[in-house]
Protein backbone atom coordinates (compact mmCIF):
# COMPACT_ATOMS: atom_id res chain seq x y z
CA MET A 1 92.17 98.51 67.33
CA LYS A 2 93.14 97.52 63.81
CA ILE A 3 94.74 94.13 63.17
CA VAL A 4 96.09 92.88 59.86
CA CYS A 5 96.74 89.16 59.37
CA ILE A 6 98.96 88.08 56.51
CA GLY A 7 97.94 84.69 55.17
CA GLY A 8 94.64 82.85 55.31
CA GLY A 9 95.89 79.69 56.99
CA PRO A 10 94.16 77.96 59.90
CA ALA A 11 95.91 79.95 62.66
CA SER A 12 95.24 83.33 61.05
CA LEU A 13 91.60 82.56 60.36
CA TYR A 14 90.92 81.09 63.81
CA PHE A 15 92.69 83.98 65.56
CA SER A 16 90.72 86.50 63.49
CA MET A 17 87.42 84.81 64.28
CA LEU A 18 88.06 84.65 68.03
CA ALA A 19 89.47 88.18 68.19
CA LYS A 20 86.43 89.63 66.41
CA LYS A 21 84.03 87.57 68.51
CA ASN A 22 85.58 88.83 71.74
CA ASN A 23 86.17 92.39 70.49
CA PRO A 24 83.40 93.34 68.03
CA ASP A 25 84.70 96.90 67.68
CA TRP A 26 88.12 95.76 66.42
CA GLU A 27 88.84 96.06 62.70
CA ILE A 28 90.45 92.84 61.47
CA GLU A 29 91.65 92.24 57.92
CA VAL A 30 93.06 89.01 56.52
CA TYR A 31 95.18 89.12 53.37
CA GLU A 32 95.69 85.94 51.36
CA GLN A 33 97.69 85.55 48.17
CA ASN A 34 95.39 82.93 46.66
CA PRO A 35 91.96 83.62 45.11
CA ALA A 36 88.88 83.77 47.34
CA ASN A 37 86.96 80.52 47.88
CA VAL A 38 89.88 78.37 46.72
CA THR A 39 91.47 75.82 49.01
CA TRP A 40 94.05 73.13 48.66
CA GLY A 41 93.44 71.76 52.13
CA PHE A 42 95.62 72.36 55.12
CA GLY A 43 96.32 68.74 56.07
CA VAL A 44 96.25 69.71 59.74
CA VAL A 45 95.97 67.16 62.52
CA PHE A 46 94.75 68.51 65.86
CA SER A 47 95.67 66.83 69.14
CA ASP A 48 93.03 66.09 71.76
CA GLU A 49 94.48 68.92 73.87
CA THR A 50 94.10 71.37 70.98
CA MET A 51 90.52 70.26 70.39
CA GLU A 52 89.74 70.82 74.08
CA GLY A 53 91.16 74.33 73.70
CA PHE A 54 88.96 74.96 70.65
CA CYS A 55 85.89 73.80 72.58
CA GLY A 56 86.74 76.02 75.54
CA ALA A 57 87.36 79.05 73.33
CA ASP A 58 84.17 78.80 71.27
CA GLU A 59 81.92 75.74 71.35
CA LYS A 60 79.89 76.70 68.26
CA THR A 61 83.01 76.92 66.11
CA TYR A 62 84.38 73.74 67.70
CA GLN A 63 81.22 71.89 66.60
CA ALA A 64 81.56 73.28 63.07
CA ILE A 65 85.19 72.12 62.96
CA ILE A 66 84.49 68.57 64.13
CA ASN A 67 81.47 68.30 61.83
CA SER A 68 83.69 69.04 58.82
CA PHE A 69 86.56 66.73 59.75
CA VAL A 70 87.68 64.03 57.37
CA HIS A 71 88.74 60.80 59.07
CA TRP A 72 90.86 57.94 57.84
CA ASP A 73 90.48 54.84 59.99
CA ASP A 74 92.75 52.53 58.01
CA ILE A 75 96.18 54.09 57.70
CA ASP A 76 99.37 52.18 57.00
CA ILE A 77 102.65 53.88 57.82
CA PHE A 78 105.81 52.75 56.04
CA TYR A 79 109.27 54.05 56.82
């Protein structure tokens, strides 16, 4: 099977990684408009339920994700 993902955002990259892991014979291509190795940060917040799903899908990748998290303990919200 050949799969083409348009955009190198978190969902596309995670899907591609899991799909290839579970189907090594699949051909998966990701197209991104921005230059390689450039990131502006996704600013994504994952719920506990999502993190449990990540862990269940692939524990090695889950560990890599949580090891690279940035945490802010002191946040003030004004509205």
